[in-house]
Amino acid sequence: MENEISVVDAKERSRYEALDTDGHLMGFVDYKLHPGVISFLHAETLPEFRGHGVAGRIASKSLDDARALGLRVKPACPFYQDYLQQHTEYADLVRRPGEEAAK
């Protein structure tokens, strides 16, 4: 199933969405953009797609995009907090408390 997942930034809804080959929603993460920072607020995988790596694909795509755009990351969502602890290759993106946003 992993190859059947595409992740897109649905900017008009302020969320990243995972879609199957037919365009059906599999999962999403809501975000809020601030100057120099993206906050990931809530991640959810639809029940029928859980356990297939959907949330991980959304997280890696959204974090790769944040890096490419020069954004710091505020992981308000528990899933993102756990994901970032397990995937230390993204540690440099995490905004520390009290840290000023990049200009």
PDB file of N, CA and C in Angstrom:
ATOM      1  N   MET A   1       0.818  -1.201   0.000  1.00  0.00           N
ATOM      2  CA  MET A   1       0.000   0.000   0.000  1.00  0.00           C
ATOM      3  C   MET A   1       0.857   1.258   0.000  1.00  0.00           C
ATOM      4  N   GLU A   2       2.082   1.193   0.485  1.00  0.00           N
ATOM      5  CA  GLU A   2       2.911   2.392   0.621  1.00  0.00           C
ATOM      6  C   GLU A   2       3.089   3.131  -0.696  1.00  0.00           C
ATOM      7  N   ASN A   3       3.263   2.402  -1.801  1.00  0.00           N
ATOM      8  CA  ASN A   3       3.460   3.053  -3.093  1.00  0.00           C
ATOM      9  C   ASN A   3       2.191   3.717  -3.606  1.00  0.00           C
ATOM     10  N   GLU A   4       1.052   3.388  -3.022  1.00  0.00           N
ATOM     11  CA  GLU A   4      -0.215   3.927  -3.464  1.00  0.00           C
ATOM     12  C   GLU A   4      -0.581   5.214  -2.730  1.00  0.00           C
ATOM     13  N   ILE A   5       0.312   5.723  -1.911  1.00  0.00           N
ATOM     14  CA  ILE A   5       0.034   6.921  -1.118  1.00  0.00           C
ATOM     15  C   ILE A   5       0.721   8.127  -1.751  1.00  0.00           C
ATOM     16  N   SER A   6      -0.067   9.172  -2.009  1.00  0.00           N
ATOM     17  CA  SER A   6       0.540  10.440  -2.402  1.00  0.00           C
ATOM     18  C   SER A   6       0.169  11.464  -1.334  1.00  0.00           C
ATOM     19  N   VAL A   7       1.112  12.343  -1.026  1.00  0.00           N
ATOM     20  CA  VAL A   7       0.898  13.362  -0.001  1.00  0.00           C
ATOM     21  C   VAL A   7       0.970  14.728  -0.669  1.00  0.00           C
ATOM     22  N   VAL A   8      -0.068  15.530  -0.439  1.00  0.00           N
ATOM     23  CA  VAL A   8      -0.147  16.857  -1.041  1.00  0.00           C
ATOM     24  C   VAL A   8      -0.396  17.899   0.044  1.00  0.00           C
ATOM     25  N   ASP A   9       0.091  19.098  -0.213  1.00  0.00           N
ATOM     26  CA  ASP A   9      -0.177  20.233   0.661  1.00  0.00           C
ATOM     27  C   ASP A   9      -1.450  20.901   0.160  1.00  0.00           C
ATOM     28  N   ALA A  10      -2.549  20.684   0.878  1.00  0.00           N
ATOM     29  CA  ALA A  10      -3.828  21.304   0.533  1.00  0.00           C
ATOM     30  C   ALA A  10      -3.866  22.665   1.217  1.00  0.00           C
ATOM     31  N   LYS A  11      -3.149  23.613   0.630  1.00  0.00           N
ATOM     32  CA  LYS A  11      -2.952  24.930   1.252  1.00  0.00           C
ATOM     33  C   LYS A  11      -4.266  25.633   1.567  1.00  0.00           C
ATOM     34  N   GLU A  12      -5.270  25.456   0.709  1.00  0.00           N
ATOM     35  CA  GLU A  12      -6.552  26.108   0.941  1.00  0.00           C
ATOM     36  C   GLU A  12      -7.251  25.603   2.209  1.00  0.00           C
ATOM     37  N   ARG A  13      -6.850  24.420   2.680  1.00  0.00           N
ATOM     38  CA  ARG A  13      -7.401  23.861   3.924  1.00  0.00           C
ATOM     39  C   ARG A  13      -6.367  23.865   5.058  1.00  0.00           C
ATOM     40  N   SER A  14      -5.182  24.396   4.787  1.00  0.00           N
ATOM     41  CA  SER A  14      -4.082  24.425   5.770  1.00  0.00           C
ATOM     42  C   SER A  14      -3.831  23.036   6.346  1.00  0.00           C
ATOM     43  N   ARG A  15      -3.665  22.091   5.431  1.00  0.00           N
ATOM     44  CA  ARG A  15      -3.350  20.740   5.880  1.00  0.00           C
ATOM     45  C   ARG A  15      -2.674  19.944   4.775  1.00  0.00           C
ATOM     46  N   TYR A  16      -1.864  18.994   5.202  1.00  0.00           N
ATOM     47  CA  TYR A  16      -1.298  18.000   4.300  1.00  0.00           C
ATOM     48  C   TYR A  16      -2.258  16.827   4.274  1.00  0.00           C
ATOM     49  N   GLU A  17      -2.491  16.278   3.083  1.00  0.00           N
ATOM     50  CA  GLU A  17      -3.413  15.164   2.926  1.00  0.00           C
ATOM     51  C   GLU A  17      -2.724  13.999   2.236  1.00  0.00           C
ATOM     52  N   ALA A  18      -3.002  12.799   2.716  1.00  0.00           N
ATOM     53  CA  ALA A  18      -2.560  11.580   2.046  1.00  0.00           C
ATOM     54  C   ALA A  18      -3.745  11.052   1.254  1.00  0.00           C
ATOM     55  N   LEU A  19      -3.485  10.750  -0.013  1.00  0.00           N
ATOM     56  CA  LEU A  19      -4.534  10.277  -0.910  1.00  0.00           C
ATOM     57  C   LEU A  19      -4.126   8.947  -1.525  1.00  0.00           C
ATOM     58  N   ASP A  20      -5.112   8.075  -1.755  1.00  0.00           N
ATOM     59  CA  ASP A  20      -4.810   6.829  -2.457  1.00  0.00           C
ATOM     60  C   ASP A  20      -4.839   7.093  -3.961  1.00  0.00           C
ATOM     61  N   THR A  21      -4.626   6.060  -4.759  1.00  0.00           N
ATOM     62  CA  THR A  21      -4.530   6.244  -6.216  1.00  0.00           C
ATOM     63  C   THR A  21      -5.831   6.744  -6.832  1.00  0.00           C
ATOM     64  N   ASP A  22      -6.959   6.537  -6.149  1.00  0.00           N
ATOM     65  CA  ASP A  22      -8.249   7.025  -6.632  1.00  0.00           C
ATOM     66  C   ASP A  22      -8.586   8.412  -6.106  1.00  0.00           C
ATOM     67  N   GLY A  23      -7.657   9.009  -5.332  1.00  0.00           N
ATOM     68  CA  GLY A  23      -7.887  10.342  -4.798  1.00  0.00           C
ATOM     69  C   GLY A  23      -8.685  10.384  -3.510  1.00  0.00           C
ATOM     70  N   HIS A  24      -8.889   9.220  -2.890  1.00  0.00           N
ATOM     71  CA  HIS A  24      -9.624   9.168  -1.623  1.00  0.00           C
ATOM     72  C   HIS A  24      -8.707   9.564  -0.471  1.00  0.00           C
ATOM     73  N   LEU A  25      -9.251  10.355   0.437  1.00  0.00           N
ATOM     74  CA  LEU A  25      -8.493  10.796   1.605  1.00  0.00           C
ATOM     75  C   LEU A  25      -8.180   9.613   2.520  1.00  0.00           C
ATOM     76  N   MET A  26      -6.908   9.488   2.890  1.00  0.00           N
ATOM     77  CA  MET A  26      -6.454   8.429   3.789  1.00  0.00           C
ATOM     78  C   MET A  26      -6.100   8.981   5.165  1.00  0.00           C
ATOM     79  N   GLY A  27      -5.637  10.221   5.198  1.00  0.00           N
ATOM     80  CA  GLY A  27      -5.232  10.844   6.446  1.00  0.00           C
ATOM     81  C   GLY A  27      -4.801  12.270   6.178  1.00  0.00           C
ATOM     82  N   PHE A  28      -4.546  13.016   7.275  1.00  0.00           N
ATOM     83  CA  PHE A  28      -4.178  14.418   7.122  1.00  0.00           C
ATOM     84  C   PHE A  28      -3.501  14.924   8.382  1.00  0.00           C
ATOM     85  N   VAL A  29      -2.848  16.067   8.244  1.00  0.00           N
ATOM     86  CA  VAL A  29      -2.368  16.830   9.399  1.00  0.00           C
ATOM     87  C   VAL A  29      -2.728  18.287   9.155  1.00  0.00           C
ATOM     88  N   ASP A  30      -3.396  18.888  10.139  1.00  0.00           N
ATOM     89  CA  ASP A  30      -3.709  20.307  10.094  1.00  0.00           C
ATOM     90  C   ASP A  30      -2.483  21.096  10.533  1.00  0.00           C
ATOM     91  N   TYR A  31      -2.262  22.240   9.908  1.00  0.00           N
ATOM     92  CA  TYR A  31      -1.135  23.082  10.303  1.00  0.00           C
ATOM     93  C   TYR A  31      -1.541  24.546  10.304  1.00  0.00           C
ATOM     94  N   LYS A  32      -0.715  25.340  10.966  1.00  0.00           N
ATOM     95  CA  LYS A  32      -0.881  26.794  10.970  1.00  0.00           C
ATOM     96  C   LYS A  32       0.476  27.395  10.666  1.00  0.00           C
ATOM     97  N   LEU A  33       0.497  28.307   9.699  1.00  0.00           N
ATOM     98  CA  LEU A  33       1.730  28.994   9.343  1.00  0.00           C
ATOM     99  C   LEU A  33       1.842  30.292  10.127  1.00  0.00           C
ATOM    100  N   HIS A  34       3.013  30.531  10.652  1.00  0.00           N
ATOM    101  CA  HIS A  34       3.380  31.779  11.312  1.00  0.00           C
ATOM    102  C   HIS A  34       4.640  32.260  10.596  1.00  0.00           C
ATOM    103  N   PRO A  35       5.046  33.501  10.748  1.00  0.00           N
ATOM    104  CA  PRO A  35       6.287  33.943  10.111  1.00  0.00           C
ATOM    105  C   PRO A  35       7.478  33.061  10.511  1.00  0.00           C
ATOM    106  N   GLY A  36       8.010  32.317   9.560  1.00  0.00           N
ATOM    107  CA  GLY A  36       9.182  31.480   9.790  1.00  0.00           C
ATOM    108  C   GLY A  36       8.923  30.168  10.509  1.00  0.00           C
ATOM    109  N   VAL A  37       7.658  29.876  10.851  1.00  0.00           N
ATOM    110  CA  VAL A  37       7.344  28.677  11.645  1.00  0.00           C
ATOM    111  C   VAL A  37       6.075  28.012  11.113  1.00  0.00           C
ATOM    112  N   ILE A  38       6.081  26.683  11.109  1.00  0.00           N
ATOM    113  CA  ILE A  38       4.870  25.924  10.833  1.00  0.00           C
ATOM    114  C   ILE A  38       4.544  25.100  12.074  1.00  0.00           C
ATOM    115  N   SER A  39       3.314  25.212  12.538  1.00  0.00           N
ATOM    116  CA  SER A  39       2.850  24.432  13.695  1.00  0.00           C
ATOM    117  C   SER A  39       1.979  23.301  13.177  1.00  0.00           C
ATOM    118  N   PHE A  40       2.331  22.076  13.543  1.00  0.00           N
ATOM    119  CA  PHE A  40       1.508  20.919  13.190  1.00  0.00           C
ATOM    120  C   PHE A  40       0.572  20.659  14.356  1.00  0.00           C
ATOM    121  N   LEU A  41      -0.731  20.773  14.090  1.00  0.00           N
ATOM    122  CA  LEU A  41      -1.731  20.829  15.142  1.00  0.00           C
ATOM    123  C   LEU A  41      -2.418  19.502  15.438  1.00  0.00           C
ATOM    124  N   HIS A  42      -2.806  18.777  14.394  1.00  0.00           N
ATOM    125  CA  HIS A  42      -3.581  17.551  14.599  1.00  0.00           C
ATOM    126  C   HIS A  42      -3.379  16.624  13.414  1.00  0.00           C
ATOM    127  N   ALA A  43      -2.900  15.420  13.688  1.00  0.00           N
ATOM    128  CA  ALA A  43      -2.732  14.406  12.647  1.00  0.00           C
ATOM    129  C   ALA A  43      -3.766  13.310  12.855  1.00  0.00           C
ATOM    130  N   GLU A  44      -4.299  12.843  11.742  1.00  0.00           N
ATOM    131  CA  GLU A  44      -5.305  11.784  11.827  1.00  0.00           C
ATOM    132  C   GLU A  44      -5.224  10.894  10.603  1.00  0.00           C
ATOM    133  N   THR A  45      -5.307   9.590  10.817  1.00  0.00           N
ATOM    134  CA  THR A  45      -5.413   8.613   9.737  1.00  0.00           C
ATOM    135  C   THR A  45      -6.805   8.013   9.826  1.00  0.00           C
ATOM    136  N   LEU A  46      -7.507   7.944   8.709  1.00  0.00           N
ATOM    137  CA  LEU A  46      -8.833   7.348   8.719  1.00  0.00           C
ATOM    138  C   LEU A  46      -8.723   5.879   9.134  1.00  0.00           C
ATOM    139  N   PRO A  47      -9.697   5.390   9.895  1.00  0.00           N
ATOM    140  CA  PRO A  47      -9.586   4.055  10.500  1.00  0.00           C
ATOM    141  C   PRO A  47      -9.203   2.937   9.533  1.00  0.00           C
ATOM    142  N   GLU A  48      -9.769   2.932   8.339  1.00  0.00           N
ATOM    143  CA  GLU A  48      -9.494   1.825   7.411  1.00  0.00           C
ATOM    144  C   GLU A  48      -8.076   1.839   6.853  1.00  0.00           C
ATOM    145  N   PHE A  49      -7.333   2.927   7.078  1.00  0.00           N
ATOM    146  CA  PHE A  49      -5.965   3.022   6.556  1.00  0.00           C
ATOM    147  C   PHE A  49      -4.900   2.978   7.655  1.00  0.00           C
ATOM    148  N   ARG A  50      -5.306   2.835   8.897  1.00  0.00           N
ATOM    149  CA  ARG A  50      -4.330   2.798   9.994  1.00  0.00           C
ATOM    150  C   ARG A  50      -3.454   1.561   9.887  1.00  0.00           C
ATOM    151  N   GLY A  51      -2.199   1.728  10.292  1.00  0.00           N
ATOM    152  CA  GLY A  51      -1.259   0.617  10.264  1.00  0.00           C
ATOM    153  C   GLY A  51      -0.577   0.406   8.925  1.00  0.00           C
ATOM    154  N   HIS A  52      -0.734   1.349   8.004  1.00  0.00           N
ATOM    155  CA  HIS A  52      -0.136   1.226   6.669  1.00  0.00           C
ATOM    156  C   HIS A  52       0.907   2.301   6.389  1.00  0.00           C
ATOM    157  N   GLY A  53       1.334   3.028   7.415  1.00  0.00           N
ATOM    158  CA  GLY A  53       2.385   4.029   7.242  1.00  0.00           C
ATOM    159  C   GLY A  53       1.910   5.367   6.709  1.00  0.00           C
ATOM    160  N   VAL A  54       0.602   5.589   6.714  1.00  0.00           N
ATOM    161  CA  VAL A  54       0.052   6.829   6.170  1.00  0.00           C
ATOM    162  C   VAL A  54       0.554   8.042   6.944  1.00  0.00           C
ATOM    163  N   ALA A  55       0.429   8.018   8.264  1.00  0.00           N
ATOM    164  CA  ALA A  55       0.838   9.166   9.085  1.00  0.00           C
ATOM    165  C   ALA A  55       2.328   9.454   8.936  1.00  0.00           C
ATOM    166  N   GLY A  56       3.129   8.422   8.868  1.00  0.00           N
ATOM    167  CA  GLY A  56       4.566   8.603   8.686  1.00  0.00           C
ATOM    168  C   GLY A  56       4.902   9.247   7.352  1.00  0.00           C
ATOM    169  N   ARG A  57       4.181   8.868   6.304  1.00  0.00           N
ATOM    170  CA  ARG A  57       4.407   9.478   4.984  1.00  0.00           C
ATOM    171  C   ARG A  57       4.022  10.954   5.001  1.00  0.00           C
ATOM    172  N   ILE A  58       2.916  11.276   5.686  1.00  0.00           N
ATOM    173  CA  ILE A  58       2.505  12.677   5.801  1.00  0.00           C
ATOM    174  C   ILE A  58       3.561  13.465   6.570  1.00  0.00           C
ATOM    175  N   ALA A  59       4.016  12.898   7.676  1.00  0.00           N
ATOM    176  CA  ALA A  59       5.010  13.590   8.505  1.00  0.00           C
ATOM    177  C   ALA A  59       6.294  13.841   7.730  1.00  0.00           C
ATOM    178  N   SER A  60       6.818  12.823   7.061  1.00  0.00           N
ATOM    179  CA  SER A  60       8.089  13.015   6.355  1.00  0.00           C
ATOM    180  C   SER A  60       7.947  14.038   5.228  1.00  0.00           C
ATOM    181  N   LYS A  61       6.854  14.014   4.476  1.00  0.00           N
ATOM    182  CA  LYS A  61       6.650  14.986   3.387  1.00  0.00           C
ATOM    183  C   LYS A  61       6.526  16.402   3.947  1.00  0.00           C
ATOM    184  N   SER A  62       5.731  16.564   5.008  1.00  0.00           N
ATOM    185  CA  SER A  62       5.533  17.907   5.566  1.00  0.00           C
ATOM    186  C   SER A  62       6.813  18.452   6.188  1.00  0.00           C
ATOM    187  N   LEU A  63       7.588  17.599   6.816  1.00  0.00           N
ATOM    188  CA  LEU A  63       8.849  18.045   7.417  1.00  0.00           C
ATOM    189  C   LEU A  63       9.897  18.330   6.341  1.00  0.00           C
ATOM    190  N   ASP A  64       9.921  17.528   5.290  1.00  0.00           N
ATOM    191  CA  ASP A  64      10.832  17.815   4.179  1.00  0.00           C
ATOM    192  C   ASP A  64      10.480  19.155   3.533  1.00  0.00           C
ATOM    193  N   ASP A  65       9.183  19.418   3.380  1.00  0.00           N
ATOM    194  CA  ASP A  65       8.753  20.700   2.820  1.00  0.00           C
ATOM    195  C   ASP A  65       9.135  21.859   3.739  1.00  0.00           C
ATOM    196  N   ALA A  66       8.956  21.676   5.051  1.00  0.00           N
ATOM    197  CA  ALA A  66       9.335  22.726   6.008  1.00  0.00           C
ATOM    198  C   ALA A  66      10.816  23.049   5.864  1.00  0.00           C
ATOM    199  N   ARG A  67      11.637  22.018   5.753  1.00  0.00           N
ATOM    200  CA  ARG A  67      13.081  22.226   5.585  1.00  0.00           C
ATOM    201  C   ARG A  67      13.359  22.981   4.289  1.00  0.00           C
ATOM    202  N   ALA A  68      12.733  22.576   3.202  1.00  0.00           N
ATOM    203  CA  ALA A  68      12.969  23.211   1.909  1.00  0.00           C
ATOM    204  C   ALA A  68      12.548  24.686   1.908  1.00  0.00           C
ATOM    205  N   LEU A  69      11.538  25.003   2.694  1.00  0.00           N
ATOM    206  CA  LEU A  69      11.052  26.378   2.775  1.00  0.00           C
ATOM    207  C   LEU A  69      11.751  27.199   3.854  1.00  0.00           C
ATOM    208  N   GLY A  70      12.670  26.577   4.587  1.00  0.00           N
ATOM    209  CA  GLY A  70      13.399  27.276   5.638  1.00  0.00           C
ATOM    210  C   GLY A  70      12.554  27.577   6.868  1.00  0.00           C
ATOM    211  N   LEU A  71      11.541  26.746   7.116  1.00  0.00           N
ATOM    212  CA  LEU A  71      10.667  26.949   8.268  1.00  0.00           C
ATOM    213  C   LEU A  71      11.139  26.157   9.476  1.00  0.00           C
ATOM    214  N   ARG A  72      10.943  26.721  10.643  1.00  0.00           N
ATOM    215  CA  ARG A  72      11.122  25.977  11.889  1.00  0.00           C
ATOM    216  C   ARG A  72       9.804  25.257  12.158  1.00  0.00           C
ATOM    217  N   VAL A  73       9.839  24.229  12.983  1.00  0.00           N
ATOM    218  CA  VAL A  73       8.671  23.394  13.242  1.00  0.00           C
ATOM    219  C   VAL A  73       8.273  23.472  14.704  1.00  0.00           C
ATOM    220  N   LYS A  74       6.993  23.661  14.937  1.00  0.00           N
ATOM    221  CA  LYS A  74       6.429  23.585  16.286  1.00  0.00           C
ATOM    222  C   LYS A  74       5.487  22.376  16.289  1.00  0.00           C
ATOM    223  N   PRO A  75       5.905  21.278  16.922  1.00  0.00           N
ATOM    224  CA  PRO A  75       5.090  20.064  16.912  1.00  0.00           C
ATOM    225  C   PRO A  75       4.052  20.062  18.047  1.00  0.00           C
ATOM    226  N   ALA A  76       2.911  20.708  17.823  1.00  0.00           N
ATOM    227  CA  ALA A  76       1.867  20.759  18.841  1.00  0.00           C
ATOM    228  C   ALA A  76       1.102  19.438  18.935  1.00  0.00           C
ATOM    229  N   CYS A  77       1.122  18.666  17.893  1.00  0.00           N
ATOM    230  CA  CYS A  77       0.416  17.385  17.824  1.00  0.00           C
ATOM    231  C   CYS A  77       1.254  16.278  18.482  1.00  0.00           C
ATOM    232  N   PRO A  78       0.653  15.451  19.343  1.00  0.00           N
ATOM    233  CA  PRO A  78       1.408  14.362  19.978  1.00  0.00           C
ATOM    234  C   PRO A  78       2.077  13.415  18.972  1.00  0.00           C
ATOM    235  N   PHE A  79       1.419  13.137  17.847  1.00  0.00           N
ATOM    236  CA  PHE A  79       2.035  12.264  16.851  1.00  0.00           C
ATOM    237  C   PHE A  79       3.333  12.869  16.344  1.00  0.00           C
ATOM    238  N   TYR A  80       3.340  14.163  16.035  1.00  0.00           N
ATOM    239  CA  TYR A  80       4.551  14.826  15.544  1.00  0.00           C
ATOM    240  C   TYR A  80       5.625  14.880  16.624  1.00  0.00           C
ATOM    241  N   GLN A  81       5.244  15.075  17.860  1.00  0.00           N
ATOM    242  CA  GLN A  81       6.221  15.067  18.948  1.00  0.00           C
ATOM    243  C   GLN A  81       6.922  13.715  19.007  1.00  0.00           C
ATOM    244  N   ASP A  82       6.144  12.627  18.944  1.00  0.00           N
ATOM    245  CA  ASP A  82       6.728  11.282  18.955  1.00  0.00           C
ATOM    246  C   ASP A  82       7.550  11.019  17.702  1.00  0.00           C
ATOM    247  N   TYR A  83       7.030  11.408  16.553  1.00  0.00           N
ATOM    248  CA  TYR A  83       7.727  11.186  15.287  1.00  0.00           C
ATOM    249  C   TYR A  83       9.090  11.873  15.292  1.00  0.00           C
ATOM    250  N   LEU A  84       9.124  13.103  15.775  1.00  0.00           N
ATOM    251  CA  LEU A  84      10.385  13.848  15.808  1.00  0.00           C
ATOM    252  C   LEU A  84      11.384  13.253  16.789  1.00  0.00           C
ATOM    253  N   GLN A  85      10.914  12.667  17.874  1.00  0.00           N
ATOM    254  CA  GLN A  85      11.825  11.993  18.806  1.00  0.00           C
ATOM    255  C   GLN A  85      12.436  10.756  18.165  1.00  0.00           C
ATOM    256  N   GLN A  86      11.661  10.065  17.338  1.00  0.00           N
ATOM    257  CA  GLN A  86      12.142   8.842  16.692  1.00  0.00           C
ATOM    258  C   GLN A  86      12.950   9.113  15.425  1.00  0.00           C
ATOM    259  N   HIS A  87      12.732  10.248  14.795  1.00  0.00           N
ATOM    260  CA  HIS A  87      13.415  10.577  13.536  1.00  0.00           C
ATOM    261  C   HIS A  87      14.296  11.804  13.753  1.00  0.00           C
ATOM    262  N   THR A  88      15.445  11.556  14.320  1.00  0.00           N
ATOM    263  CA  THR A  88      16.349  12.642  14.726  1.00  0.00           C
ATOM    264  C   THR A  88      16.920  13.414  13.540  1.00  0.00           C
ATOM    265  N   GLU A  89      16.739  12.893  12.328  1.00  0.00           N
ATOM    266  CA  GLU A  89      17.214  13.637  11.151  1.00  0.00           C
ATOM    267  C   GLU A  89      16.453  14.949  10.968  1.00  0.00           C
ATOM    268  N   TYR A  90      15.340  15.112  11.675  1.00  0.00           N
ATOM    269  CA  TYR A  90      14.564  16.350  11.616  1.00  0.00           C
ATOM    270  C   TYR A  90      14.753  17.233  12.846  1.00  0.00           C
ATOM    271  N   ALA A  91      15.638  16.853  13.759  1.00  0.00           N
ATOM    272  CA  ALA A  91      15.808  17.590  15.022  1.00  0.00           C
ATOM    273  C   ALA A  91      16.164  19.052  14.812  1.00  0.00           C
ATOM    274  N   ASP A  92      16.899  19.354  13.754  1.00  0.00           N
ATOM    275  CA  ASP A  92      17.308  20.738  13.496  1.00  0.00           C
ATOM    276  C   ASP A  92      16.140  21.653  13.140  1.00  0.00           C
ATOM    277  N   LEU A  93      14.980  21.091  12.815  1.00  0.00           N
ATOM    278  CA  LEU A  93      13.820  21.891  12.435  1.00  0.00           C
ATOM    279  C   LEU A  93      12.994  22.361  13.624  1.00  0.00           C
ATOM    280  N   VAL A  94      13.161  21.690  14.752  1.00  0.00           N
ATOM    281  CA  VAL A  94      12.275  21.935  15.897  1.00  0.00           C
ATOM    282  C   VAL A  94      12.562  23.274  16.544  1.00  0.00           C
ATOM    283  N   ARG A  95      11.500  24.038  16.686  1.00  0.00           N
ATOM    284  CA  ARG A  95      11.592  25.330  17.351  1.00  0.00           C
ATOM    285  C   ARG A  95      11.589  25.088  18.858  1.00  0.00           C
ATOM    286  N   ARG A  96      12.601  25.584  19.516  1.00  0.00           N
ATOM    287  CA  ARG A  96      12.708  25.431  20.961  1.00  0.00           C
ATOM    288  C   ARG A  96      11.884  26.507  21.658  1.00  0.00           C
ATOM    289  N   PRO A  97      11.336  26.215  22.844  1.00  0.00           N
ATOM    290  CA  PRO A  97      10.582  27.253  23.584  1.00  0.00           C
ATOM    291  C   PRO A  97      11.424  28.508  23.778  1.00  0.00           C
ATOM    292  N   GLY A  98      10.826  29.646  23.502  1.00  0.00           N
ATOM    293  CA  GLY A  98      11.517  30.928  23.667  1.00  0.00           C
ATOM    294  C   GLY A  98      12.381  31.321  22.492  1.00  0.00           C
ATOM    295  N   GLU A  99      12.553  30.440  21.548  1.00  0.00           N
ATOM    296  CA  GLU A  99      13.381  30.724  20.366  1.00  0.00           C
ATOM    297  C   GLU A  99      12.621  31.659  19.436  1.00  0.00           C
ATOM    298  N   GLU A 100      13.304  32.632  18.905  1.00  0.00           N
ATOM    299  CA  GLU A 100      12.670  33.556  17.964  1.00  0.00           C
ATOM    300  C   GLU A 100      12.537  32.881  16.597  1.00  0.00           C
ATOM    301  N   ALA A 101      11.486  33.206  15.906  1.00  0.00           N
ATOM    302  CA  ALA A 101      11.275  32.674  14.562  1.00  0.00           C
ATOM    303  C   ALA A 101      12.357  33.210  13.629  1.00  0.00           C
ATOM    304  N   ALA A 102      12.703  32.384  12.641  1.00  0.00           N
ATOM    305  CA  ALA A 102      13.677  32.819  11.638  1.00  0.00           C
ATOM    306  C   ALA A 102      13.119  33.992  10.852  1.00  0.00           C
ATOM    307  N   LYS A 103      13.984  34.904  10.462  1.00  0.00           N
ATOM    308  CA  LYS A 103      13.510  36.070   9.715  1.00  0.00           C
ATOM    309  C   LYS A 103      13.795  35.930   8.248  1.00  0.00           C
TER     310      LYS A 103
END
